[in-house]
Amino acid sequence: MKILHVLTSARAEGTPKLVLDWLRVKEHQQSVLFLTDKGELMNEFKAKTPVFMNSTFIPSLKTGLEITALVNNVCSEVQPDLVIAWPTGHSQWIHWGAHKAGVKKKITHIGNPPGESFFGRYIATAITFWMSYFMKVKFIACSEYVKNETQRIKLIPQTLHRVYNSFAMQSFDPMWTKENKVCMIGYMEPVRDHLSLLKAWQILSDQLLDYELRLIGDGSLKQKLEEYVQLNKIERVVFLGRKESVKIELEKAKIYVLSTLKEGFGITLLEALGSGCRVVSTNLPATNEVLENGKWGELVEAENPKALAEAILSAHLANSLTSTEVEERKMYLKQFSVENMCHQYLGIANA
């Protein structure tokens, strides 16, 4: 099958990495259209597949018709059997362009629940779903949580499907020799709760003297977080910035922490499990779903540094993973293979 993926950018974050995994499935002819020409992973995409980029306008509500024209032109050239719109917010314009080019099979990926503002939750959602309904677009949520939250909006005219996001399990080694490192991956934006993690680390300052906290990611709050560390004289915190690959950091880390206020799925939790880390996460519906109510990691109350500190200490005191635990993790993680995700997506597209 000829598949055209449409992404906003090639930034080193969850969804572009997800599509890179898809490109490893060689039985399909795949290409990618980026709505911007930005991102650290662009060269990696170019090395794997034909890439199309927009460098003439910034995708927004005002440029919907330009997105439509761009997608129409690319579809006319590529002639895909299936177009997958990974950014939900621009998906109606993406699929209108694909529809005009004669593409019959169209999928929108829903990676997060609808926005919390009235416009984002109701008006934008209604426009996206109703326009897509008349073009016979199929919507696939990345988790039961995202699916249920989206279906709570009664304006949605069609059935949603659920297919879990994938991760490249074969790329991670759970038996790597662990070091005394605590790691968190995530853009430093308000949706993440790095501050609670730093406060928890401050609580643990006299107990984990030989540990280092390593924060991977960049964002608008990075400078404020660095200033907080300096002002409060918090030791052994390393800001690593953006990284194209987090594999080595996860394989070295003894503990992985996801401190967040909102999450649609949580690929980094799977990567941490596959890397043999002890896992601590904020207890949210999506993280609870991925970690199966605490079976695969400790879940703590949001914005509670004391509880987070206690969970990190507990993870530190836990024994190393046994070979049995490693095998149990591998069995659990098999359901998140890219081959499984791709197979389910194409089954829905062809139904």
C-alpha atoms as a PDB file:
ATOM      1  CA  MET A   1       0.000   0.000   0.000  1.00  0.00           C
ATOM      2  CA  LYS A   2       1.144   3.542  -0.729  1.00  0.00           C
ATOM      3  CA  ILE A   3       0.898   5.631   2.454  1.00  0.00           C
ATOM      4  CA  LEU A   4       1.356   9.375   2.842  1.00  0.00           C
ATOM      5  CA  HIS A   5       1.992  10.540   6.403  1.00  0.00           C
ATOM      6  CA  VAL A   6       1.304  14.210   7.161  1.00  0.00           C
ATOM      7  CA  LEU A   7       3.160  15.671  10.153  1.00  0.00           C
ATOM      8  CA  THR A   8       3.449  19.187  11.527  1.00  0.00           C
ATOM      9  CA  SER A   9       7.233  19.056  11.957  1.00  0.00           C
ATOM     10  CA  ALA A  10      10.255  16.790  12.363  1.00  0.00           C
ATOM     11  CA  ARG A  11      10.863  17.755  15.988  1.00  0.00           C
ATOM     12  CA  ALA A  12      12.410  15.060  18.173  1.00  0.00           C
ATOM     13  CA  GLU A  13       9.181  14.205  19.972  1.00  0.00           C
ATOM     14  CA  GLY A  14       6.658  11.389  20.200  1.00  0.00           C
ATOM     15  CA  THR A  15       4.657  11.527  16.973  1.00  0.00           C
ATOM     16  CA  PRO A  16       7.533  12.073  14.492  1.00  0.00           C
ATOM     17  CA  LYS A  17       9.439   9.248  16.199  1.00  0.00           C
ATOM     18  CA  LEU A  18       6.321   7.119  15.837  1.00  0.00           C
ATOM     19  CA  VAL A  19       6.237   7.748  12.084  1.00  0.00           C
ATOM     20  CA  LEU A  20       9.960   6.936  11.836  1.00  0.00           C
ATOM     21  CA  ASP A  21       9.089   3.557  13.319  1.00  0.00           C
ATOM     22  CA  TRP A  22       6.389   3.113  10.677  1.00  0.00           C
ATOM     23  CA  LEU A  23       8.965   3.738   7.962  1.00  0.00           C
ATOM     24  CA  ARG A  24      10.819   0.608   9.087  1.00  0.00           C
ATOM     25  CA  VAL A  25       7.868  -1.518   7.903  1.00  0.00           C
ATOM     26  CA  LYS A  26       9.219  -2.207   4.425  1.00  0.00           C
ATOM     27  CA  GLU A  27       6.177  -3.927   2.903  1.00  0.00           C
ATOM     28  CA  HIS A  28       4.533  -0.544   2.230  1.00  0.00           C
ATOM     29  CA  GLN A  29       5.617   2.385   0.045  1.00  0.00           C
ATOM     30  CA  GLN A  30       5.612   5.366   2.389  1.00  0.00           C
ATOM     31  CA  SER A  31       6.325   9.084   2.086  1.00  0.00           C
ATOM     32  CA  VAL A  32       6.012  12.053   4.461  1.00  0.00           C
ATOM     33  CA  LEU A  33       4.709  15.605   4.103  1.00  0.00           C
ATOM     34  CA  PHE A  34       5.728  18.146   6.737  1.00  0.00           C
ATOM     35  CA  LEU A  35       3.595  21.252   7.243  1.00  0.00           C
ATOM     36  CA  THR A  36       6.768  23.081   8.346  1.00  0.00           C
ATOM     37  CA  ASP A  37      10.426  22.620   7.444  1.00  0.00           C
ATOM     38  CA  LYS A  38      11.592  22.586  11.080  1.00  0.00           C
ATOM     39  CA  GLY A  39      12.880  19.770  13.273  1.00  0.00           C
ATOM     40  CA  GLU A  40      15.938  17.895  14.456  1.00  0.00           C
ATOM     41  CA  LEU A  41      14.846  14.640  12.804  1.00  0.00           C
ATOM     42  CA  MET A  42      14.514  15.973   9.256  1.00  0.00           C
ATOM     43  CA  ASN A  43      17.750  14.409   8.000  1.00  0.00           C
ATOM     44  CA  GLU A  44      16.750  11.065   9.470  1.00  0.00           C
ATOM     45  CA  PHE A  45      13.446  11.216   7.597  1.00  0.00           C
ATOM     46  CA  LYS A  46      15.173  12.184   4.356  1.00  0.00           C
ATOM     47  CA  ALA A  47      17.476   9.191   4.679  1.00  0.00           C
ATOM     48  CA  LYS A  48      14.519   6.812   4.895  1.00  0.00           C
ATOM     49  CA  THR A  49      11.784   8.026   2.560  1.00  0.00           C
ATOM     50  CA  PRO A  50      10.667  10.696   0.060  1.00  0.00           C
ATOM     51  CA  VAL A  51      10.002  13.897   1.997  1.00  0.00           C
ATOM     52  CA  PHE A  52       7.864  16.910   1.055  1.00  0.00           C
ATOM     53  CA  MET A  53       8.062  20.161   3.042  1.00  0.00           C
ATOM     54  CA  ASN A  54       6.168  23.411   3.313  1.00  0.00           C
ATOM     55  CA  SER A  55       8.328  26.488   3.743  1.00  0.00           C
ATOM     56  CA  THR A  56       5.937  29.177   2.461  1.00  0.00           C
ATOM     57  CA  PHE A  57       3.394  29.578   5.282  1.00  0.00           C
ATOM     58  CA  ILE A  58       2.874  28.784   8.961  1.00  0.00           C
ATOM     59  CA  PRO A  59       0.103  26.217   9.545  1.00  0.00           C
ATOM     60  CA  SER A  60      -2.729  27.771  11.554  1.00  0.00           C
ATOM     61  CA  LEU A  61      -6.479  28.311  11.542  1.00  0.00           C
ATOM     62  CA  LYS A  62      -5.961  31.080   8.988  1.00  0.00           C
ATOM     63  CA  THR A  63      -3.994  28.925   6.546  1.00  0.00           C
ATOM     64  CA  GLY A  64      -6.414  25.989   6.289  1.00  0.00           C
ATOM     65  CA  LEU A  65      -7.009  26.464   2.568  1.00  0.00           C
ATOM     66  CA  GLU A  66      -3.262  26.656   1.953  1.00  0.00           C
ATOM     67  CA  ILE A  67      -2.820  23.351   3.778  1.00  0.00           C
ATOM     68  CA  THR A  68      -5.552  21.878   1.581  1.00  0.00           C
ATOM     69  CA  ALA A  69      -3.845  23.076  -1.608  1.00  0.00           C
ATOM     70  CA  LEU A  70      -0.459  21.769  -0.422  1.00  0.00           C
ATOM     71  CA  VAL A  71      -1.817  18.302   0.395  1.00  0.00           C
ATOM     72  CA  ASN A  72      -3.777  18.199  -2.853  1.00  0.00           C
ATOM     73  CA  ASN A  73      -0.616  18.906  -4.859  1.00  0.00           C
ATOM     74  CA  VAL A  74       1.437  16.282  -3.027  1.00  0.00           C
ATOM     75  CA  CYS A  75      -1.317  13.660  -3.301  1.00  0.00           C
ATOM     76  CA  SER A  76      -1.656  14.350  -7.024  1.00  0.00           C
ATOM     77  CA  GLU A  77       2.063  13.623  -7.377  1.00  0.00           C
ATOM     78  CA  VAL A  78       2.363  10.663  -4.989  1.00  0.00           C
ATOM     79  CA  GLN A  79      -1.104   9.135  -5.571  1.00  0.00           C
ATOM     80  CA  PRO A  80      -1.282   7.416  -2.152  1.00  0.00           C
ATOM     81  CA  ASP A  81      -3.825   4.755  -1.271  1.00  0.00           C
ATOM     82  CA  LEU A  82      -4.005   6.076   2.299  1.00  0.00           C
ATOM     83  CA  VAL A  83      -3.342   9.445   3.927  1.00  0.00           C
ATOM     84  CA  ILE A  84      -2.744   9.560   7.684  1.00  0.00           C
ATOM     85  CA  ALA A  85      -3.087  12.979   9.317  1.00  0.00           C
ATOM     86  CA  TRP A  86      -1.111  12.847  12.546  1.00  0.00           C
ATOM     87  CA  PRO A  87      -1.965  16.382  13.791  1.00  0.00           C
ATOM     88  CA  THR A  88      -5.672  16.263  14.704  1.00  0.00           C
ATOM     89  CA  GLY A  89      -6.056  20.048  14.626  1.00  0.00           C
ATOM     90  CA  HIS A  90      -5.200  20.401  10.926  1.00  0.00           C
ATOM     91  CA  SER A  91      -6.669  17.063   9.864  1.00  0.00           C
ATOM     92  CA  GLN A  92      -9.822  18.394   8.196  1.00  0.00           C
ATOM     93  CA  TRP A  93      -7.750  20.575   5.853  1.00  0.00           C
ATOM     94  CA  ILE A  94      -5.309  17.748   5.213  1.00  0.00           C
ATOM     95  CA  HIS A  95      -8.087  15.342   4.291  1.00  0.00           C
ATOM     96  CA  TRP A  96      -9.922  17.874   2.176  1.00  0.00           C
ATOM     97  CA  GLY A  97      -6.784  18.149   0.070  1.00  0.00           C
ATOM     98  CA  ALA A  98      -6.492  14.357  -0.091  1.00  0.00           C
ATOM     99  CA  HIS A  99     -10.198  14.065  -0.936  1.00  0.00           C
ATOM    100  CA  LYS A 100      -9.885  16.531  -3.802  1.00  0.00           C
ATOM    101  CA  ALA A 101      -6.992  14.461  -5.159  1.00  0.00           C
ATOM    102  CA  GLY A 102      -9.162  11.337  -5.153  1.00  0.00           C
ATOM    103  CA  VAL A 103      -7.697   9.549  -2.122  1.00  0.00           C
ATOM    104  CA  LYS A 104     -10.328   7.139  -0.786  1.00  0.00           C
ATOM    105  CA  LYS A 105      -8.754   6.000   2.480  1.00  0.00           C
ATOM    106  CA  LYS A 106      -8.098   8.616   5.141  1.00  0.00           C
ATOM    107  CA  ILE A 107      -7.228   8.330   8.838  1.00  0.00           C
ATOM    108  CA  THR A 108      -6.821  10.937  11.580  1.00  0.00           C
ATOM    109  CA  HIS A 109      -4.669  10.063  14.582  1.00  0.00           C
ATOM    110  CA  ILE A 110      -5.918  11.471  17.913  1.00  0.00           C
ATOM    111  CA  GLY A 111      -2.943  11.732  20.249  1.00  0.00           C
ATOM    112  CA  ASN A 112      -4.503  13.878  22.986  1.00  0.00           C
ATOM    113  CA  PRO A 113      -7.981  14.562  24.381  1.00  0.00           C
ATOM    114  CA  PRO A 114      -9.803  17.672  23.166  1.00  0.00           C
ATOM    115  CA  GLY A 115      -8.647  21.035  24.516  1.00  0.00           C
ATOM    116  CA  GLU A 116     -10.083  22.458  27.704  1.00  0.00           C
ATOM    117  CA  SER A 117     -11.233  25.823  26.345  1.00  0.00           C
ATOM    118  CA  PHE A 118     -14.765  26.101  24.970  1.00  0.00           C
ATOM    119  CA  PHE A 119     -13.457  26.783  21.466  1.00  0.00           C
ATOM    120  CA  GLY A 120     -10.903  23.975  21.529  1.00  0.00           C
ATOM    121  CA  ARG A 121     -13.209  21.407  23.093  1.00  0.00           C
ATOM    122  CA  TYR A 122     -16.416  22.092  21.199  1.00  0.00           C
ATOM    123  CA  ILE A 123     -16.103  24.448  18.222  1.00  0.00           C
ATOM    124  CA  ALA A 124     -12.783  23.179  16.838  1.00  0.00           C
ATOM    125  CA  THR A 125     -13.721  19.553  17.543  1.00  0.00           C
ATOM    126  CA  ALA A 126     -17.090  19.931  15.822  1.00  0.00           C
ATOM    127  CA  ILE A 127     -15.493  21.502  12.739  1.00  0.00           C
ATOM    128  CA  THR A 128     -12.823  18.797  12.551  1.00  0.00           C
ATOM    129  CA  PHE A 129     -15.189  15.861  12.950  1.00  0.00           C
ATOM    130  CA  TRP A 130     -18.082  17.093  10.819  1.00  0.00           C
ATOM    131  CA  MET A 131     -15.882  18.102   7.886  1.00  0.00           C
ATOM    132  CA  SER A 132     -14.114  14.746   8.130  1.00  0.00           C
ATOM    133  CA  TYR A 133     -17.400  12.855   8.423  1.00  0.00           C
ATOM    134  CA  PHE A 134     -18.477  13.903   4.931  1.00  0.00           C
ATOM    135  CA  MET A 135     -15.089  12.787   3.565  1.00  0.00           C
ATOM    136  CA  LYS A 136     -15.409   9.359   5.251  1.00  0.00           C
ATOM    137  CA  VAL A 137     -12.341   9.863   7.440  1.00  0.00           C
ATOM    138  CA  LYS A 138     -11.715   7.301  10.183  1.00  0.00           C
ATOM    139  CA  PHE A 139     -10.492   8.487  13.574  1.00  0.00           C
ATOM    140  CA  ILE A 140      -8.109   6.421  15.695  1.00  0.00           C
ATOM    141  CA  ALA A 141      -7.328   7.366  19.304  1.00  0.00           C
ATOM    142  CA  CYS A 142      -3.996   6.366  20.842  1.00  0.00           C
ATOM    143  CA  SER A 143      -5.536   5.150  24.127  1.00  0.00           C
ATOM    144  CA  GLU A 144      -8.864   4.261  25.701  1.00  0.00           C
ATOM    145  CA  TYR A 145      -8.584   7.425  27.764  1.00  0.00           C
ATOM    146  CA  VAL A 146      -8.269   9.666  24.692  1.00  0.00           C
ATOM    147  CA  LYS A 147     -11.042   7.762  22.936  1.00  0.00           C
ATOM    148  CA  ASN A 148     -13.424   8.065  25.894  1.00  0.00           C
ATOM    149  CA  GLU A 149     -12.655  11.746  26.495  1.00  0.00           C
ATOM    150  CA  THR A 150     -13.268  12.540  22.839  1.00  0.00           C
ATOM    151  CA  GLN A 151     -16.513  10.556  22.697  1.00  0.00           C
ATOM    152  CA  ARG A 152     -17.813  12.488  25.701  1.00  0.00           C
ATOM    153  CA  ILE A 153     -18.369  15.388  23.300  1.00  0.00           C
ATOM    154  CA  LYS A 154     -21.818  14.646  21.929  1.00  0.00           C
ATOM    155  CA  LEU A 155     -21.235  16.655  18.734  1.00  0.00           C
ATOM    156  CA  ILE A 156     -19.039  13.919  17.285  1.00  0.00           C
ATOM    157  CA  PRO A 157     -20.950  12.154  14.485  1.00  0.00           C
ATOM    158  CA  GLN A 158     -18.991   8.903  14.140  1.00  0.00           C
ATOM    159  CA  THR A 159     -17.453   5.947  15.926  1.00  0.00           C
ATOM    160  CA  LEU A 160     -13.877   6.210  17.146  1.00  0.00           C
ATOM    161  CA  HIS A 161     -11.359   3.387  17.070  1.00  0.00           C
ATOM    162  CA  ARG A 162      -8.549   2.759  19.544  1.00  0.00           C
ATOM    163  CA  VAL A 163      -5.086   1.559  18.560  1.00  0.00           C
ATOM    164  CA  TYR A 164      -2.202   1.933  20.983  1.00  0.00           C
ATOM    165  CA  ASN A 165       0.848   3.869  19.846  1.00  0.00           C
ATOM    166  CA  SER A 166       3.920   1.770  19.186  1.00  0.00           C
ATOM    167  CA  PHE A 167       7.559   1.976  20.134  1.00  0.00           C
ATOM    168  CA  ALA A 168      10.652   0.265  18.757  1.00  0.00           C
ATOM    169  CA  MET A 169      11.069  -2.374  21.463  1.00  0.00           C
ATOM    170  CA  GLN A 170      13.911  -4.091  19.611  1.00  0.00           C
ATOM    171  CA  SER A 171      16.016  -0.908  19.887  1.00  0.00           C
ATOM    172  CA  PHE A 172      16.170  -0.950  23.688  1.00  0.00           C
ATOM    173  CA  ASP A 173      18.248  -3.218  25.914  1.00  0.00           C
ATOM    174  CA  PRO A 174      16.754  -3.969  29.365  1.00  0.00           C
ATOM    175  CA  MET A 175      19.961  -5.675  30.540  1.00  0.00           C
ATOM    176  CA  TRP A 176      22.228  -2.640  30.174  1.00  0.00           C
ATOM    177  CA  THR A 177      24.365  -2.016  33.274  1.00  0.00           C
ATOM    178  CA  LYS A 178      22.477   0.574  35.280  1.00  0.00           C
ATOM    179  CA  GLU A 179      23.982   3.713  36.777  1.00  0.00           C
ATOM    180  CA  ASN A 180      22.722   5.862  39.630  1.00  0.00           C
ATOM    181  CA  LYS A 181      20.721   8.180  37.427  1.00  0.00           C
ATOM    182  CA  VAL A 182      17.137   9.385  37.504  1.00  0.00           C
ATOM    183  CA  CYS A 183      15.879  10.479  34.099  1.00  0.00           C
ATOM    184  CA  MET A 184      12.896  12.387  32.738  1.00  0.00           C
ATOM    185  CA  ILE A 185      12.138  13.100  29.077  1.00  0.00           C
ATOM    186  CA  GLY A 186       9.733  15.831  28.037  1.00  0.00           C
ATOM    187  CA  TYR A 187       9.399  19.317  26.645  1.00  0.00           C
ATOM    188  CA  MET A 188       9.630  21.939  29.358  1.00  0.00           C
ATOM    189  CA  GLU A 189       6.187  23.405  28.880  1.00  0.00           C
ATOM    190  CA  PRO A 190       3.312  24.008  31.346  1.00  0.00           C
ATOM    191  CA  VAL A 191       1.726  20.630  30.537  1.00  0.00           C
ATOM    192  CA  ARG A 192       4.726  18.917  32.157  1.00  0.00           C
ATOM    193  CA  ASP A 193       5.465  19.193  35.868  1.00  0.00           C
ATOM    194  CA  HIS A 194       9.242  19.427  36.105  1.00  0.00           C
ATOM    195  CA  LEU A 195       8.861  21.717  39.112  1.00  0.00           C
ATOM    196  CA  SER A 196       7.360  18.971  41.301  1.00  0.00           C
ATOM    197  CA  LEU A 197      10.219  16.681  40.277  1.00  0.00           C
ATOM    198  CA  LEU A 198      12.805  19.305  41.242  1.00  0.00           C
ATOM    199  CA  LYS A 199      11.076  19.805  44.588  1.00  0.00           C
ATOM    200  CA  ALA A 200      11.055  16.039  45.119  1.00  0.00           C
ATOM    201  CA  TRP A 201      14.754  15.923  44.245  1.00  0.00           C
ATOM    202  CA  GLN A 202      15.368  18.627  46.848  1.00  0.00           C
ATOM    203  CA  ILE A 203      13.611  16.473  49.461  1.00  0.00           C
ATOM    204  CA  LEU A 204      15.883  13.564  48.500  1.00  0.00           C
ATOM    205  CA  SER A 205      19.088  15.611  48.573  1.00  0.00           C
ATOM    206  CA  ASP A 206      20.442  13.882  51.700  1.00  0.00           C
ATOM    207  CA  GLN A 207      19.341  10.368  50.711  1.00  0.00           C
ATOM    208  CA  LEU A 208      20.461   9.906  47.099  1.00  0.00           C
ATOM    209  CA  LEU A 209      23.884  11.516  47.363  1.00  0.00           C
ATOM    210  CA  ASP A 210      25.420   9.384  44.627  1.00  0.00           C
ATOM    211  CA  TYR A 211      22.527   9.893  42.179  1.00  0.00           C
ATOM    212  CA  GLU A 212      22.163  12.400  39.356  1.00  0.00           C
ATOM    213  CA  LEU A 213      18.898  13.816  37.969  1.00  0.00           C
ATOM    214  CA  ARG A 214      19.070  14.127  34.176  1.00  0.00           C
ATOM    215  CA  LEU A 215      16.394  16.165  32.384  1.00  0.00           C
ATOM    216  CA  ILE A 216      16.061  15.698  28.627  1.00  0.00           C
ATOM    217  CA  GLY A 217      14.133  18.289  26.639  1.00  0.00           C
ATOM    218  CA  ASP A 218      13.825  21.960  25.894  1.00  0.00           C
ATOM    219  CA  GLY A 219      11.023  24.479  25.985  1.00  0.00           C
ATOM    220  CA  SER A 220       9.724  27.817  27.181  1.00  0.00           C
ATOM    221  CA  LEU A 221      10.173  26.962  30.887  1.00  0.00           C
ATOM    222  CA  LYS A 222      13.748  25.697  30.696  1.00  0.00           C
ATOM    223  CA  GLN A 223      15.370  28.956  31.815  1.00  0.00           C
ATOM    224  CA  LYS A 224      12.977  29.333  34.772  1.00  0.00           C
ATOM    225  CA  LEU A 225      13.661  25.753  35.855  1.00  0.00           C
ATOM    226  CA  GLU A 226      17.417  26.297  35.632  1.00  0.00           C
ATOM    227  CA  GLU A 227      17.045  29.479  37.694  1.00  0.00           C
ATOM    228  CA  TYR A 228      14.978  27.572  40.273  1.00  0.00           C
ATOM    229  CA  VAL A 229      17.763  24.988  40.604  1.00  0.00           C
ATOM    230  CA  GLN A 230      20.408  27.686  41.061  1.00  0.00           C
ATOM    231  CA  LEU A 231      18.339  29.797  43.457  1.00  0.00           C
ATOM    232  CA  ASN A 232      17.543  26.832  45.679  1.00  0.00           C
ATOM    233  CA  LYS A 233      21.042  25.338  45.362  1.00  0.00           C
ATOM    234  CA  ILE A 234      19.713  21.967  44.213  1.00  0.00           C
ATOM    235  CA  GLU A 235      22.673  19.731  43.449  1.00  0.00           C
ATOM    236  CA  ARG A 236      23.293  17.020  40.853  1.00  0.00           C
ATOM    237  CA  VAL A 237      20.727  18.224  38.305  1.00  0.00           C
ATOM    238  CA  VAL A 238      21.789  18.122  34.667  1.00  0.00           C
ATOM    239  CA  PHE A 239      19.806  19.808  31.884  1.00  0.00           C
ATOM    240  CA  LEU A 240      20.663  17.893  28.711  1.00  0.00           C
ATOM    241  CA  GLY A 241      18.464  19.833  26.264  1.00  0.00           C
ATOM    242  CA  ARG A 242      17.015  18.164  23.185  1.00  0.00           C
ATOM    243  CA  LYS A 243      18.343  14.813  22.057  1.00  0.00           C
ATOM    244  CA  GLU A 244      17.556  13.060  18.794  1.00  0.00           C
ATOM    245  CA  SER A 245      17.867   9.709  20.574  1.00  0.00           C
ATOM    246  CA  VAL A 246      17.117   8.947  24.221  1.00  0.00           C
ATOM    247  CA  LYS A 247      18.134   5.292  23.994  1.00  0.00           C
ATOM    248  CA  ILE A 248      21.473   5.512  25.809  1.00  0.00           C
ATOM    249  CA  GLU A 249      20.116   7.779  28.558  1.00  0.00           C
ATOM    250  CA  LEU A 250      17.261   5.383  29.291  1.00  0.00           C
ATOM    251  CA  GLU A 251      19.444   2.301  29.211  1.00  0.00           C
ATOM    252  CA  LYS A 252      21.841   3.862  31.740  1.00  0.00           C
ATOM    253  CA  ALA A 253      19.160   5.254  34.062  1.00  0.00           C
ATOM    254  CA  LYS A 254      18.103   3.174  37.032  1.00  0.00           C
ATOM    255  CA  ILE A 255      14.868   5.157  37.470  1.00  0.00           C
ATOM    256  CA  TYR A 256      12.618   6.885  34.947  1.00  0.00           C
ATOM    257  CA  VAL A 257      10.165   9.547  36.132  1.00  0.00           C
ATOM    258  CA  LEU A 258       7.276  11.055  34.190  1.00  0.00           C
ATOM    259  CA  SER A 259       6.037  14.055  36.177  1.00  0.00           C
ATOM    260  CA  THR A 260       3.220  15.582  34.164  1.00  0.00           C
ATOM    261  CA  LEU A 261      -0.153  17.296  34.396  1.00  0.00           C
ATOM    262  CA  LYS A 262      -1.564  15.922  31.147  1.00  0.00           C
ATOM    263  CA  GLU A 263      -0.821  12.889  28.996  1.00  0.00           C
ATOM    264  CA  GLY A 264      -2.575  11.239  26.076  1.00  0.00           C
ATOM    265  CA  PHE A 265      -0.545   8.028  26.078  1.00  0.00           C
ATOM    266  CA  GLY A 266       3.094   8.014  27.234  1.00  0.00           C
ATOM    267  CA  ILE A 267       5.525   6.399  24.815  1.00  0.00           C
ATOM    268  CA  THR A 268       8.437   7.273  27.113  1.00  0.00           C
ATOM    269  CA  LEU A 269       6.910   4.982  29.753  1.00  0.00           C
ATOM    270  CA  LEU A 270       7.110   2.081  27.299  1.00  0.00           C
ATOM    271  CA  GLU A 271      10.665   3.025  26.336  1.00  0.00           C
ATOM    272  CA  ALA A 272      11.636   3.120  30.004  1.00  0.00           C
ATOM    273  CA  LEU A 273      10.079  -0.296  30.635  1.00  0.00           C
ATOM    274  CA  GLY A 274      11.872  -1.677  27.586  1.00  0.00           C
ATOM    275  CA  SER A 275      15.140  -0.216  28.877  1.00  0.00           C
ATOM    276  CA  GLY A 276      14.884  -1.949  32.233  1.00  0.00           C
ATOM    277  CA  CYS A 277      14.211   1.172  34.313  1.00  0.00           C
ATOM    278  CA  ARG A 278      12.175   1.273  37.465  1.00  0.00           C
ATOM    279  CA  VAL A 279       9.292   3.587  36.547  1.00  0.00           C
ATOM    280  CA  VAL A 280       7.558   6.325  38.554  1.00  0.00           C
ATOM    281  CA  SER A 281       4.768   8.375  36.998  1.00  0.00           C
ATOM    282  CA  THR A 282       2.052  10.864  37.826  1.00  0.00           C
ATOM    283  CA  ASN A 283      -1.231   8.996  38.163  1.00  0.00           C
ATOM    284  CA  LEU A 284      -3.341  10.154  35.220  1.00  0.00           C
ATOM    285  CA  PRO A 285      -5.900   8.126  33.214  1.00  0.00           C
ATOM    286  CA  ALA A 286      -3.514   7.533  30.299  1.00  0.00           C
ATOM    287  CA  THR A 287      -0.457   6.702  32.421  1.00  0.00           C
ATOM    288  CA  ASN A 288      -2.607   4.435  34.585  1.00  0.00           C
ATOM    289  CA  GLU A 289      -3.723   2.675  31.409  1.00  0.00           C
ATOM    290  CA  VAL A 290      -0.172   2.167  30.120  1.00  0.00           C
ATOM    291  CA  LEU A 291       1.183   1.028  33.496  1.00  0.00           C
ATOM    292  CA  GLU A 292      -1.895  -1.145  34.151  1.00  0.00           C
ATOM    293  CA  ASN A 293      -2.923   0.474  37.417  1.00  0.00           C
ATOM    294  CA  GLY A 294       0.595   0.356  38.832  1.00  0.00           C
ATOM    295  CA  LYS A 295       1.608  -3.160  37.761  1.00  0.00           C
ATOM    296  CA  TRP A 296       4.560  -1.877  35.728  1.00  0.00           C
ATOM    297  CA  GLY A 297       5.492   1.213  37.727  1.00  0.00           C
ATOM    298  CA  GLU A 298       4.586   3.319  40.724  1.00  0.00           C
ATOM    299  CA  LEU A 299       1.827   5.898  40.266  1.00  0.00           C
ATOM    300  CA  VAL A 300       1.666   9.029  42.432  1.00  0.00           C
ATOM    301  CA  GLU A 301      -0.683  11.949  42.893  1.00  0.00           C
ATOM    302  CA  ALA A 302      -0.119  14.928  40.587  1.00  0.00           C
ATOM    303  CA  GLU A 303       1.701  18.009  41.956  1.00  0.00           C
ATOM    304  CA  ASN A 304       2.737  16.166  45.120  1.00  0.00           C
ATOM    305  CA  PRO A 305       6.551  16.424  45.497  1.00  0.00           C
ATOM    306  CA  LYS A 306       6.564  14.514  48.796  1.00  0.00           C
ATOM    307  CA  ALA A 307       4.764  11.508  47.278  1.00  0.00           C
ATOM    308  CA  LEU A 308       7.002  11.689  44.221  1.00  0.00           C
ATOM    309  CA  ALA A 309      10.109  11.709  46.426  1.00  0.00           C
ATOM    310  CA  GLU A 310       8.852   8.669  48.351  1.00  0.00           C
ATOM    311  CA  ALA A 311       8.193   6.793  45.096  1.00  0.00           C
ATOM    312  CA  ILE A 312      11.665   7.597  43.728  1.00  0.00           C
ATOM    313  CA  LEU A 313      13.234   6.428  46.991  1.00  0.00           C
ATOM    314  CA  SER A 314      11.199   3.222  46.820  1.00  0.00           C
ATOM    315  CA  ALA A 315      12.405   2.636  43.250  1.00  0.00           C
ATOM    316  CA  HIS A 316      15.984   3.190  44.430  1.00  0.00           C
ATOM    317  CA  LEU A 317      15.604   0.590  47.176  1.00  0.00           C
ATOM    318  CA  ALA A 318      14.081  -1.998  44.835  1.00  0.00           C
ATOM    319  CA  ASN A 319      16.247  -4.868  43.680  1.00  0.00           C
ATOM    320  CA  SER A 320      17.521  -5.065  40.122  1.00  0.00           C
ATOM    321  CA  LEU A 321      15.120  -6.616  37.624  1.00  0.00           C
ATOM    322  CA  THR A 322      15.219 -10.397  37.583  1.00  0.00           C
ATOM    323  CA  SER A 323      15.321 -12.313  34.293  1.00  0.00           C
ATOM    324  CA  THR A 324      11.697 -13.303  34.955  1.00  0.00           C
ATOM    325  CA  GLU A 325      10.646  -9.656  35.313  1.00  0.00           C
ATOM    326  CA  VAL A 326      12.481  -8.774  32.102  1.00  0.00           C
ATOM    327  CA  GLU A 327      10.652 -11.520  30.214  1.00  0.00           C
ATOM    328  CA  GLU A 328       7.308 -10.448  31.681  1.00  0.00           C
ATOM    329  CA  ARG A 329       7.958  -6.900  30.492  1.00  0.00           C
ATOM    330  CA  LYS A 330       8.865  -8.132  27.010  1.00  0.00           C
ATOM    331  CA  MET A 331       5.645 -10.122  26.791  1.00  0.00           C
ATOM    332  CA  TYR A 332       3.610  -7.098  27.857  1.00  0.00           C
ATOM    333  CA  LEU A 333       5.383  -4.741  25.453  1.00  0.00           C
ATOM    334  CA  LYS A 334       4.854  -6.970  22.400  1.00  0.00           C
ATOM    335  CA  GLN A 335       1.368  -5.545  21.917  1.00  0.00           C
ATOM    336  CA  PHE A 336       2.951  -2.134  21.257  1.00  0.00           C
ATOM    337  CA  SER A 337       5.075  -3.235  18.292  1.00  0.00           C
ATOM    338  CA  VAL A 338       5.003  -1.026  15.200  1.00  0.00           C
ATOM    339  CA  GLU A 339       3.997  -4.026  13.098  1.00  0.00           C
ATOM    340  CA  ASN A 340       0.949  -4.527  15.317  1.00  0.00           C
ATOM    341  CA  MET A 341       0.012  -0.841  15.164  1.00  0.00           C
ATOM    342  CA  CYS A 342       0.450  -0.698  11.386  1.00  0.00           C
ATOM    343  CA  HIS A 343      -1.616  -3.871  10.896  1.00  0.00           C
ATOM    344  CA  GLN A 344      -4.479  -2.501  12.993  1.00  0.00           C
ATOM    345  CA  TYR A 345      -4.445   0.891  11.232  1.00  0.00           C
ATOM    346  CA  LEU A 346      -4.584  -0.711   7.790  1.00  0.00           C
ATOM    347  CA  GLY A 347      -7.342  -3.072   8.925  1.00  0.00           C
ATOM    348  CA  ILE A 348      -9.450  -0.075   9.961  1.00  0.00           C
ATOM    349  CA  ALA A 349      -8.612   1.789   6.744  1.00  0.00           C
ATOM    350  CA  ASN A 350      -9.661  -1.176   4.599  1.00  0.00           C
ATOM    351  CA  ALA A 351     -12.841  -2.021   6.545  1.00  0.00           C
END
